[in-house]
Amino acid sequence: MRDIYPATAEQRCWVHKIANALDKLPQRLQPRATSHVHEMMRAEGRQAALEELALFQEEYESKYPKAVACLTKDIDVLFTFMDYPAAH
């Protein structure tokens, strides 16, 4: 796709990203972490999503850095859809 449509914006799949991040957390923390990630995904805009991500990092970074790294490594393409009007 990149070869044919090089100017097309790329969007990471939230379903897979959430599943991969939660897999790196203990089961007892997964419901709370899911709610954090859903807040991120449903944020009004990129800035609000980044604030939610910061809260997620603050809560889980020290004990579960792999879960945080899973979300933050693709941050530029994870929030691509927020660059477009809600109607799209």
PDB file of N, CA and C in Angstrom:
ATOM      1  N   MET A   1       0.816  -1.193   0.000  1.00  0.00           N
ATOM      2  CA  MET A   1       0.000   0.000   0.000  1.00  0.00           C
ATOM      3  C   MET A   1       0.864   1.262   0.000  1.00  0.00           C
ATOM      4  N   ARG A   2       1.942   1.224   0.780  1.00  0.00           N
ATOM      5  CA  ARG A   2       2.795   2.408   0.853  1.00  0.00           C
ATOM      6  C   ARG A   2       3.416   2.731  -0.499  1.00  0.00           C
ATOM      7  N   ASP A   3       3.717   1.706  -1.279  1.00  0.00           N
ATOM      8  CA  ASP A   3       4.303   1.927  -2.595  1.00  0.00           C
ATOM      9  C   ASP A   3       3.292   2.545  -3.557  1.00  0.00           C
ATOM     10  N   ILE A   4       2.064   2.106  -3.490  1.00  0.00           N
ATOM     11  CA  ILE A   4       1.029   2.580  -4.405  1.00  0.00           C
ATOM     12  C   ILE A   4       0.452   3.923  -3.965  1.00  0.00           C
ATOM     13  N   TYR A   5       0.213   4.067  -2.664  1.00  0.00           N
ATOM     14  CA  TYR A   5      -0.372   5.292  -2.099  1.00  0.00           C
ATOM     15  C   TYR A   5       0.541   5.862  -1.015  1.00  0.00           C
ATOM     16  N   PRO A   6       1.661   6.426  -1.386  1.00  0.00           N
ATOM     17  CA  PRO A   6       2.633   6.883  -0.382  1.00  0.00           C
ATOM     18  C   PRO A   6       2.133   8.024   0.507  1.00  0.00           C
ATOM     19  N   ALA A   7       1.163   8.796   0.069  1.00  0.00           N
ATOM     20  CA  ALA A   7       0.680   9.929   0.862  1.00  0.00           C
ATOM     21  C   ALA A   7      -0.448   9.546   1.824  1.00  0.00           C
ATOM     22  N   THR A   8      -0.885   8.296   1.777  1.00  0.00           N
ATOM     23  CA  THR A   8      -1.980   7.853   2.625  1.00  0.00           C
ATOM     24  C   THR A   8      -1.523   7.732   4.075  1.00  0.00           C
ATOM     25  N   ALA A   9      -2.335   8.245   4.986  1.00  0.00           N
ATOM     26  CA  ALA A   9      -2.023   8.154   6.414  1.00  0.00           C
ATOM     27  C   ALA A   9      -2.264   6.726   6.900  1.00  0.00           C
ATOM     28  N   GLU A  10      -1.416   6.283   7.793  1.00  0.00           N
ATOM     29  CA  GLU A  10      -1.519   4.930   8.339  1.00  0.00           C
ATOM     30  C   GLU A  10      -2.142   4.979   9.728  1.00  0.00           C
ATOM     31  N   GLN A  11      -3.038   4.039  10.004  1.00  0.00           N
ATOM     32  CA  GLN A  11      -3.694   3.950  11.306  1.00  0.00           C
ATOM     33  C   GLN A  11      -3.484   2.549  11.866  1.00  0.00           C
ATOM     34  N   ARG A  12      -2.956   2.445  13.059  1.00  0.00           N
ATOM     35  CA  ARG A  12      -2.792   1.155  13.726  1.00  0.00           C
ATOM     36  C   ARG A  12      -4.143   0.657  14.221  1.00  0.00           C
ATOM     37  N   CYS A  13      -4.272  -0.618  14.306  1.00  0.00           N
ATOM     38  CA  CYS A  13      -5.492  -1.262  14.782  1.00  0.00           C
ATOM     39  C   CYS A  13      -5.545  -1.198  16.312  1.00  0.00           C
ATOM     40  N   TRP A  14      -6.556  -0.523  16.838  1.00  0.00           N
ATOM     41  CA  TRP A  14      -6.694  -0.388  18.282  1.00  0.00           C
ATOM     42  C   TRP A  14      -7.003  -1.729  18.948  1.00  0.00           C
ATOM     43  N   VAL A  15      -7.769  -2.573  18.305  1.00  0.00           N
ATOM     44  CA  VAL A  15      -8.134  -3.864  18.899  1.00  0.00           C
ATOM     45  C   VAL A  15      -6.884  -4.687  19.176  1.00  0.00           C
ATOM     46  N   HIS A  16      -6.017  -4.780  18.189  1.00  0.00           N
ATOM     47  CA  HIS A  16      -4.791  -5.551  18.373  1.00  0.00           C
ATOM     48  C   HIS A  16      -3.834  -4.865  19.340  1.00  0.00           C
ATOM     49  N   LYS A  17      -3.755  -3.551  19.274  1.00  0.00           N
ATOM     50  CA  LYS A  17      -2.864  -2.805  20.162  1.00  0.00           C
ATOM     51  C   LYS A  17      -3.298  -2.989  21.616  1.00  0.00           C
ATOM     52  N   ILE A  18      -4.603  -2.904  21.880  1.00  0.00           N
ATOM     53  CA  ILE A  18      -5.115  -3.095  23.235  1.00  0.00           C
ATOM     54  C   ILE A  18      -4.838  -4.518  23.708  1.00  0.00           C
ATOM     55  N   ALA A  19      -5.135  -5.493  22.873  1.00  0.00           N
ATOM     56  CA  ALA A  19      -4.903  -6.897  23.246  1.00  0.00           C
ATOM     57  C   ALA A  19      -3.428  -7.147  23.548  1.00  0.00           C
ATOM     58  N   ASN A  20      -2.546  -6.609  22.731  1.00  0.00           N
ATOM     59  CA  ASN A  20      -1.112  -6.809  22.942  1.00  0.00           C
ATOM     60  C   ASN A  20      -0.629  -6.139  24.227  1.00  0.00           C
ATOM     61  N   ALA A  21      -1.120  -4.943  24.515  1.00  0.00           N
ATOM     62  CA  ALA A  21      -0.715  -4.241  25.735  1.00  0.00           C
ATOM     63  C   ALA A  21      -1.259  -4.951  26.975  1.00  0.00           C
ATOM     64  N   LEU A  22      -2.524  -5.353  26.937  1.00  0.00           N
ATOM     65  CA  LEU A  22      -3.127  -6.020  28.091  1.00  0.00           C
ATOM     66  C   LEU A  22      -2.472  -7.366  28.374  1.00  0.00           C
ATOM     67  N   ASP A  23      -1.993  -8.002  27.336  1.00  0.00           N
ATOM     68  CA  ASP A  23      -1.318  -9.287  27.485  1.00  0.00           C
ATOM     69  C   ASP A  23      -0.060  -9.160  28.352  1.00  0.00           C
ATOM     70  N   LYS A  24       0.463  -7.963  28.455  1.00  0.00           N
ATOM     71  CA  LYS A  24       1.681  -7.722  29.216  1.00  0.00           C
ATOM     72  C   LYS A  24       1.397  -7.283  30.660  1.00  0.00           C
ATOM     73  N   LEU A  25       0.133  -7.336  31.048  1.00  0.00           N
ATOM     74  CA  LEU A  25      -0.285  -6.984  32.407  1.00  0.00           C
ATOM     75  C   LEU A  25      -0.890  -8.208  33.094  1.00  0.00           C
ATOM     76  N   PRO A  26      -0.833  -8.252  34.425  1.00  0.00           N
ATOM     77  CA  PRO A  26      -1.516  -9.344  35.128  1.00  0.00           C
ATOM     78  C   PRO A  26      -3.027  -9.253  34.915  1.00  0.00           C
ATOM     79  N   GLN A  27      -3.676 -10.386  34.957  1.00  0.00           N
ATOM     80  CA  GLN A  27      -5.118 -10.423  34.704  1.00  0.00           C
ATOM     81  C   GLN A  27      -5.903  -9.538  35.655  1.00  0.00           C
ATOM     82  N   ARG A  28      -5.467  -9.422  36.884  1.00  0.00           N
ATOM     83  CA  ARG A  28      -6.210  -8.628  37.865  1.00  0.00           C
ATOM     84  C   ARG A  28      -6.206  -7.145  37.527  1.00  0.00           C
ATOM     85  N   LEU A  29      -5.224  -6.671  36.749  1.00  0.00           N
ATOM     86  CA  LEU A  29      -5.148  -5.262  36.364  1.00  0.00           C
ATOM     87  C   LEU A  29      -5.779  -4.966  35.005  1.00  0.00           C
ATOM     88  N   GLN A  30      -6.085  -5.990  34.266  1.00  0.00           N
ATOM     89  CA  GLN A  30      -6.568  -5.794  32.904  1.00  0.00           C
ATOM     90  C   GLN A  30      -7.882  -5.009  32.793  1.00  0.00           C
ATOM     91  N   PRO A  31      -8.867  -5.239  33.657  1.00  0.00           N
ATOM     92  CA  PRO A  31     -10.097  -4.438  33.527  1.00  0.00           C
ATOM     93  C   PRO A  31      -9.848  -2.933  33.709  1.00  0.00           C
ATOM     94  N   ARG A  32      -9.045  -2.569  34.701  1.00  0.00           N
ATOM     95  CA  ARG A  32      -8.742  -1.150  34.932  1.00  0.00           C
ATOM     96  C   ARG A  32      -7.931  -0.575  33.776  1.00  0.00           C
ATOM     97  N   ALA A  33      -6.949  -1.327  33.306  1.00  0.00           N
ATOM     98  CA  ALA A  33      -6.129  -0.872  32.188  1.00  0.00           C
ATOM     99  C   ALA A  33      -6.963  -0.734  30.920  1.00  0.00           C
ATOM    100  N   THR A  34      -7.910  -1.634  30.731  1.00  0.00           N
ATOM    101  CA  THR A  34      -8.795  -1.557  29.572  1.00  0.00           C
ATOM    102  C   THR A  34      -9.571  -0.254  29.590  1.00  0.00           C
ATOM    103  N   SER A  35     -10.048   0.125  30.758  1.00  0.00           N
ATOM    104  CA  SER A  35     -10.794   1.372  30.845  1.00  0.00           C
ATOM    105  C   SER A  35      -9.899   2.571  30.543  1.00  0.00           C
ATOM    106  N   HIS A  36      -8.643   2.535  30.980  1.00  0.00           N
ATOM    107  CA  HIS A  36      -7.695   3.614  30.657  1.00  0.00           C
ATOM    108  C   HIS A  36      -7.477   3.713  29.149  1.00  0.00           C
ATOM    109  N   VAL A  37      -7.268   2.579  28.532  1.00  0.00           N
ATOM    110  CA  VAL A  37      -6.984   2.561  27.097  1.00  0.00           C
ATOM    111  C   VAL A  37      -8.218   2.987  26.299  1.00  0.00           C
ATOM    112  N   HIS A  38      -9.387   2.604  26.747  1.00  0.00           N
ATOM    113  CA  HIS A  38     -10.612   3.019  26.062  1.00  0.00           C
ATOM    114  C   HIS A  38     -10.812   4.532  26.171  1.00  0.00           C
ATOM    115  N   GLU A  39     -10.459   5.104  27.309  1.00  0.00           N
ATOM    116  CA  GLU A  39     -10.520   6.563  27.460  1.00  0.00           C
ATOM    117  C   GLU A  39      -9.588   7.233  26.453  1.00  0.00           C
ATOM    118  N   MET A  40      -8.433   6.648  26.267  1.00  0.00           N
ATOM    119  CA  MET A  40      -7.462   7.156  25.292  1.00  0.00           C
ATOM    120  C   MET A  40      -8.047   7.100  23.884  1.00  0.00           C
ATOM    121  N   MET A  41      -8.593   5.953  23.552  1.00  0.00           N
ATOM    122  CA  MET A  41      -9.115   5.718  22.209  1.00  0.00           C
ATOM    123  C   MET A  41     -10.323   6.615  21.914  1.00  0.00           C
ATOM    124  N   ARG A  42     -11.125   6.898  22.925  1.00  0.00           N
ATOM    125  CA  ARG A  42     -12.363   7.669  22.729  1.00  0.00           C
ATOM    126  C   ARG A  42     -12.207   9.153  23.055  1.00  0.00           C
ATOM    127  N   ALA A  43     -10.993   9.589  23.270  1.00  0.00           N
ATOM    128  CA  ALA A  43     -10.747  10.992  23.626  1.00  0.00           C
ATOM    129  C   ALA A  43     -11.229  11.921  22.511  1.00  0.00           C
ATOM    130  N   GLU A  44     -11.551  13.137  22.884  1.00  0.00           N
ATOM    131  CA  GLU A  44     -12.060  14.137  21.939  1.00  0.00           C
ATOM    132  C   GLU A  44     -11.028  14.532  20.884  1.00  0.00           C
ATOM    133  N   GLY A  45      -9.785  14.481  21.237  1.00  0.00           N
ATOM    134  CA  GLY A  45      -8.741  14.881  20.298  1.00  0.00           C
ATOM    135  C   GLY A  45      -7.397  14.310  20.703  1.00  0.00           C
ATOM    136  N   ARG A  46      -6.390  14.593  19.913  1.00  0.00           N
ATOM    137  CA  ARG A  46      -5.056  14.056  20.142  1.00  0.00           C
ATOM    138  C   ARG A  46      -4.507  14.481  21.505  1.00  0.00           C
ATOM    139  N   GLN A  47      -4.686  15.747  21.871  1.00  0.00           N
ATOM    140  CA  GLN A  47      -4.149  16.235  23.146  1.00  0.00           C
ATOM    141  C   GLN A  47      -4.785  15.501  24.329  1.00  0.00           C
ATOM    142  N   ALA A  48      -6.085  15.318  24.284  1.00  0.00           N
ATOM    143  CA  ALA A  48      -6.773  14.591  25.358  1.00  0.00           C
ATOM    144  C   ALA A  48      -6.307  13.132  25.403  1.00  0.00           C
ATOM    145  N   ALA A  49      -6.094  12.539  24.249  1.00  0.00           N
ATOM    146  CA  ALA A  49      -5.614  11.158  24.182  1.00  0.00           C
ATOM    147  C   ALA A  49      -4.204  11.052  24.765  1.00  0.00           C
ATOM    148  N   LEU A  50      -3.368  12.023  24.462  1.00  0.00           N
ATOM    149  CA  LEU A  50      -2.006  12.021  25.001  1.00  0.00           C
ATOM    150  C   LEU A  50      -2.007  12.206  26.515  1.00  0.00           C
ATOM    151  N   GLU A  51      -2.953  12.976  27.016  1.00  0.00           N
ATOM    152  CA  GLU A  51      -3.090  13.131  28.472  1.00  0.00           C
ATOM    153  C   GLU A  51      -3.503  11.810  29.116  1.00  0.00           C
ATOM    154  N   GLU A  52      -4.410  11.093  28.474  1.00  0.00           N
ATOM    155  CA  GLU A  52      -4.816   9.774  28.974  1.00  0.00           C
ATOM    156  C   GLU A  52      -3.645   8.795  28.916  1.00  0.00           C
ATOM    157  N   LEU A  53      -2.871   8.885  27.853  1.00  0.00           N
ATOM    158  CA  LEU A  53      -1.694   8.033  27.736  1.00  0.00           C
ATOM    159  C   LEU A  53      -0.704   8.329  28.866  1.00  0.00           C
ATOM    160  N   ALA A  54      -0.534   9.593  29.196  1.00  0.00           N
ATOM    161  CA  ALA A  54       0.358   9.976  30.291  1.00  0.00           C
ATOM    162  C   ALA A  54      -0.120   9.378  31.616  1.00  0.00           C
ATOM    163  N   LEU A  55      -1.432   9.365  31.836  1.00  0.00           N
ATOM    164  CA  LEU A  55      -1.978   8.745  33.049  1.00  0.00           C
ATOM    165  C   LEU A  55      -1.710   7.240  33.067  1.00  0.00           C
ATOM    166  N   PHE A  56      -1.869   6.614  31.913  1.00  0.00           N
ATOM    167  CA  PHE A  56      -1.589   5.183  31.792  1.00  0.00           C
ATOM    168  C   PHE A  56      -0.118   4.922  32.103  1.00  0.00           C
ATOM    169  N   GLN A  57       0.757   5.730  31.527  1.00  0.00           N
ATOM    170  CA  GLN A  57       2.195   5.580  31.772  1.00  0.00           C
ATOM    171  C   GLN A  57       2.525   5.761  33.250  1.00  0.00           C
ATOM    172  N   GLU A  58       1.945   6.769  33.846  1.00  0.00           N
ATOM    173  CA  GLU A  58       2.199   7.061  35.255  1.00  0.00           C
ATOM    174  C   GLU A  58       1.815   5.878  36.151  1.00  0.00           C
ATOM    175  N   GLU A  59       0.707   5.250  35.823  1.00  0.00           N
ATOM    176  CA  GLU A  59       0.214   4.160  36.657  1.00  0.00           C
ATOM    177  C   GLU A  59       0.955   2.841  36.446  1.00  0.00           C
ATOM    178  N   TYR A  60       1.361   2.546  35.202  1.00  0.00           N
ATOM    179  CA  TYR A  60       1.889   1.214  34.895  1.00  0.00           C
ATOM    180  C   TYR A  60       3.373   1.151  34.533  1.00  0.00           C
ATOM    181  N   GLU A  61       4.004   2.264  34.257  1.00  0.00           N
ATOM    182  CA  GLU A  61       5.386   2.262  33.759  1.00  0.00           C
ATOM    183  C   GLU A  61       6.366   1.578  34.709  1.00  0.00           C
ATOM    184  N   SER A  62       6.286   1.850  35.985  1.00  0.00           N
ATOM    185  CA  SER A  62       7.291   1.333  36.910  1.00  0.00           C
ATOM    186  C   SER A  62       7.277  -0.190  37.027  1.00  0.00           C
ATOM    187  N   LYS A  63       6.105  -0.787  37.041  1.00  0.00           N
ATOM    188  CA  LYS A  63       6.020  -2.237  37.208  1.00  0.00           C
ATOM    189  C   LYS A  63       5.830  -3.003  35.905  1.00  0.00           C
ATOM    190  N   TYR A  64       5.264  -2.329  34.904  1.00  0.00           N
ATOM    191  CA  TYR A  64       4.924  -3.020  33.651  1.00  0.00           C
ATOM    192  C   TYR A  64       5.388  -2.207  32.437  1.00  0.00           C
ATOM    193  N   PRO A  65       6.677  -2.001  32.312  1.00  0.00           N
ATOM    194  CA  PRO A  65       7.178  -1.163  31.215  1.00  0.00           C
ATOM    195  C   PRO A  65       6.885  -1.731  29.824  1.00  0.00           C
ATOM    196  N   LYS A  66       6.774  -3.038  29.720  1.00  0.00           N
ATOM    197  CA  LYS A  66       6.487  -3.638  28.407  1.00  0.00           C
ATOM    198  C   LYS A  66       5.087  -3.285  27.932  1.00  0.00           C
ATOM    199  N   ALA A  67       4.139  -3.205  28.844  1.00  0.00           N
ATOM    200  CA  ALA A  67       2.767  -2.816  28.477  1.00  0.00           C
ATOM    201  C   ALA A  67       2.737  -1.375  27.995  1.00  0.00           C
ATOM    202  N   VAL A  68       3.459  -0.509  28.686  1.00  0.00           N
ATOM    203  CA  VAL A  68       3.519   0.904  28.291  1.00  0.00           C
ATOM    204  C   VAL A  68       4.250   1.050  26.964  1.00  0.00           C
ATOM    205  N   ALA A  69       5.356   0.349  26.808  1.00  0.00           N
ATOM    206  CA  ALA A  69       6.127   0.417  25.565  1.00  0.00           C
ATOM    207  C   ALA A  69       5.294  -0.060  24.373  1.00  0.00           C
ATOM    208  N   CYS A  70       4.451  -1.043  24.598  1.00  0.00           N
ATOM    209  CA  CYS A  70       3.594  -1.555  23.528  1.00  0.00           C
ATOM    210  C   CYS A  70       2.682  -0.455  22.988  1.00  0.00           C
ATOM    211  N   LEU A  71       2.161   0.387  23.872  1.00  0.00           N
ATOM    212  CA  LEU A  71       1.283   1.472  23.440  1.00  0.00           C
ATOM    213  C   LEU A  71       2.063   2.654  22.867  1.00  0.00           C
ATOM    214  N   THR A  72       3.184   2.978  23.460  1.00  0.00           N
ATOM    215  CA  THR A  72       3.882   4.197  23.080  1.00  0.00           C
ATOM    216  C   THR A  72       4.758   4.061  21.842  1.00  0.00           C
ATOM    217  N   LYS A  73       5.128   2.856  21.470  1.00  0.00           N
ATOM    218  CA  LYS A  73       6.042   2.715  20.329  1.00  0.00           C
ATOM    219  C   LYS A  73       5.413   3.127  18.989  1.00  0.00           C
ATOM    220  N   ASP A  74       4.114   3.046  18.880  1.00  0.00           N
ATOM    221  CA  ASP A  74       3.429   3.394  17.626  1.00  0.00           C
ATOM    222  C   ASP A  74       2.509   4.587  17.800  1.00  0.00           C
ATOM    223  N   ILE A  75       2.826   5.447  18.724  1.00  0.00           N
ATOM    224  CA  ILE A  75       1.917   6.533  19.071  1.00  0.00           C
ATOM    225  C   ILE A  75       1.585   7.431  17.884  1.00  0.00           C
ATOM    226  N   ASP A  76       2.531   7.639  16.996  1.00  0.00           N
ATOM    227  CA  ASP A  76       2.279   8.515  15.841  1.00  0.00           C
ATOM    228  C   ASP A  76       1.198   7.952  14.922  1.00  0.00           C
ATOM    229  N   VAL A  77       1.143   6.639  14.754  1.00  0.00           N
ATOM    230  CA  VAL A  77       0.130   6.043  13.879  1.00  0.00           C
ATOM    231  C   VAL A  77      -1.070   5.482  14.640  1.00  0.00           C
ATOM    232  N   LEU A  78      -0.989   5.472  15.956  1.00  0.00           N
ATOM    233  CA  LEU A  78      -2.118   4.996  16.753  1.00  0.00           C
ATOM    234  C   LEU A  78      -3.224   6.040  16.819  1.00  0.00           C
ATOM    235  N   PHE A  79      -2.855   7.313  16.801  1.00  0.00           N
ATOM    236  CA  PHE A  79      -3.831   8.393  16.895  1.00  0.00           C
ATOM    237  C   PHE A  79      -4.071   9.103  15.564  1.00  0.00           C
ATOM    238  N   THR A  80      -3.739   8.494  14.459  1.00  0.00           N
ATOM    239  CA  THR A  80      -3.915   9.109  13.150  1.00  0.00           C
ATOM    240  C   THR A  80      -5.354   9.557  12.911  1.00  0.00           C
ATOM    241  N   PHE A  81      -6.303   8.730  13.302  1.00  0.00           N
ATOM    242  CA  PHE A  81      -7.705   9.053  13.032  1.00  0.00           C
ATOM    243  C   PHE A  81      -8.145  10.344  13.715  1.00  0.00           C
ATOM    244  N   MET A  82      -7.425  10.768  14.733  1.00  0.00           N
ATOM    245  CA  MET A  82      -7.789  11.992  15.435  1.00  0.00           C
ATOM    246  C   MET A  82      -7.405  13.255  14.670  1.00  0.00           C
ATOM    247  N   ASP A  83      -6.677  13.090  13.596  1.00  0.00           N
ATOM    248  CA  ASP A  83      -6.298  14.221  12.756  1.00  0.00           C
ATOM    249  C   ASP A  83      -7.394  14.591  11.757  1.00  0.00           C
ATOM    250  N   TYR A  84      -8.457  13.803  11.731  1.00  0.00           N
ATOM    251  CA  TYR A  84      -9.541  14.015  10.771  1.00  0.00           C
ATOM    252  C   TYR A  84     -10.820  14.416  11.498  1.00  0.00           C
ATOM    253  N   PRO A  85     -11.731  15.077  10.814  1.00  0.00           N
ATOM    254  CA  PRO A  85     -13.009  15.435  11.452  1.00  0.00           C
ATOM    255  C   PRO A  85     -13.754  14.192  11.909  1.00  0.00           C
ATOM    256  N   ALA A  86     -14.530  14.326  12.953  1.00  0.00           N
ATOM    257  CA  ALA A  86     -15.260  13.198  13.531  1.00  0.00           C
ATOM    258  C   ALA A  86     -16.179  12.518  12.521  1.00  0.00           C
ATOM    259  N   ALA A  87     -16.686  13.269  11.564  1.00  0.00           N
ATOM    260  CA  ALA A  87     -17.597  12.699  10.568  1.00  0.00           C
ATOM    261  C   ALA A  87     -16.905  11.652   9.685  1.00  0.00           C
ATOM    262  N   HIS A  88     -15.606  11.717   9.601  1.00  0.00           N
ATOM    263  CA  HIS A  88     -14.889  10.767   8.775  1.00  0.00           C
ATOM    264  C   HIS A  88     -14.655   9.492   9.533  1.00  0.00           C
TER     265      HIS A  88
END
